[in-house]
Amino acid sequence: MKLLDAIIFSVALALIVVGIHQTMVNGIGFSYSLFMFAVGLLFWFQLRRNQARESSESTTKKPLKSNKPFKKR
């Protein structure tokens, strides 16, 4: 996990905790924007993680050349 990914994930979790606190104190209407921003950050974190996984898989997995002919079943 890169530093930016850790920061995004940490801020998202912190916003969720603050949103829960604000929900208990003021109600869901005041904390709705905190939850939506946290969800947006979690989506961004997931997107970055999937892109990193795809790029690492594409560089590590290379097809092996085989001298055997392809057999149909």
Protein backbone atom coordinates (compact mmCIF):
# COMPACT_ATOMS: atom_id res chain seq x y z
CA MET A 1 0.00 0.00 0.00
CA LYS A 2 1.41 3.32 -1.02
CA LEU A 3 1.40 6.40 1.17
CA LEU A 4 -1.41 8.11 -0.75
CA ASP A 5 -3.56 4.99 -0.49
CA ALA A 6 -2.98 4.85 3.26
CA ILE A 7 -3.88 8.53 3.62
CA ILE A 8 -7.07 8.14 1.55
CA PHE A 9 -8.16 5.11 3.57
CA SER A 10 -7.34 6.77 6.91
CA VAL A 11 -9.23 9.94 6.06
CA ALA A 12 -12.24 7.90 4.91
CA LEU A 13 -12.29 5.98 8.18
CA ALA A 14 -11.89 9.17 10.19
CA LEU A 15 -14.82 10.75 8.32
CA ILE A 16 -16.96 7.70 9.07
CA VAL A 17 -16.16 7.98 12.80
CA VAL A 18 -16.87 11.72 12.80
CA GLY A 19 -20.05 11.11 10.83
CA ILE A 20 -21.25 8.56 13.38
CA HIS A 21 -20.55 11.02 16.18
CA GLN A 22 -22.37 13.83 14.38
CA THR A 23 -25.30 11.50 13.71
CA MET A 24 -25.65 10.76 17.41
CA VAL A 25 -25.36 14.44 18.36
CA ASN A 26 -27.16 16.32 15.56
CA GLY A 27 -28.92 13.74 13.40
CA ILE A 28 -28.34 12.20 10.01
CA GLY A 29 -29.12 15.39 8.10
CA PHE A 30 -26.02 17.14 9.44
CA SER A 31 -23.71 14.18 8.90
CA TYR A 32 -24.92 13.07 5.47
CA SER A 33 -22.22 15.01 3.62
CA LEU A 34 -19.52 13.44 5.80
CA PHE A 35 -20.73 9.96 4.94
CA MET A 36 -20.96 10.71 1.24
CA PHE A 37 -17.45 12.16 1.17
CA ALA A 38 -16.18 9.07 3.03
CA VAL A 39 -17.89 6.78 0.52
CA GLY A 40 -16.33 8.75 -2.33
CA LEU A 41 -12.89 8.34 -0.79
CA LEU A 42 -13.47 4.61 -0.33
CA PHE A 43 -14.44 4.29 -4.00
CA TRP A 44 -11.28 6.19 -4.98
CA PHE A 45 -9.18 3.95 -2.73
CA GLN A 46 -10.71 0.82 -4.31
CA LEU A 47 -10.13 2.18 -7.82
CA ARG A 48 -6.46 2.90 -7.07
CA ARG A 49 -6.01 -0.53 -5.50
CA ASN A 50 -7.57 -2.31 -8.50
CA GLN A 51 -5.45 -0.33 -10.96
CA ALA A 52 -2.28 -1.17 -9.03
CA ARG A 53 -3.26 -4.85 -8.92
CA GLU A 54 -3.96 -4.92 -12.67
CA SER A 55 -0.67 -3.24 -13.53
CA SER A 56 1.30 -5.63 -11.32
CA GLU A 57 -0.48 -8.66 -12.79
CA SER A 58 0.14 -7.51 -16.35
CA THR A 59 3.88 -7.12 -15.72
CA THR A 60 4.35 -10.37 -13.79
CA LYS A 61 2.17 -12.72 -15.84
CA LYS A 62 3.61 -13.36 -19.25
CA PRO A 63 2.40 -16.23 -21.41
CA LEU A 64 4.78 -19.14 -21.64
CA LYS A 65 5.70 -20.41 -25.07
CA SER A 66 4.85 -24.04 -25.49
CA ASN A 67 6.13 -26.42 -28.13
CA LYS A 68 3.15 -28.72 -27.65
CA PRO A 69 0.30 -28.43 -30.14
CA PHE A 70 -3.10 -27.38 -28.83
CA LYS A 71 -5.42 -30.36 -28.41
CA LYS A 72 -9.18 -30.08 -28.68
CA ARG A 73 -11.31 -32.21 -26.38
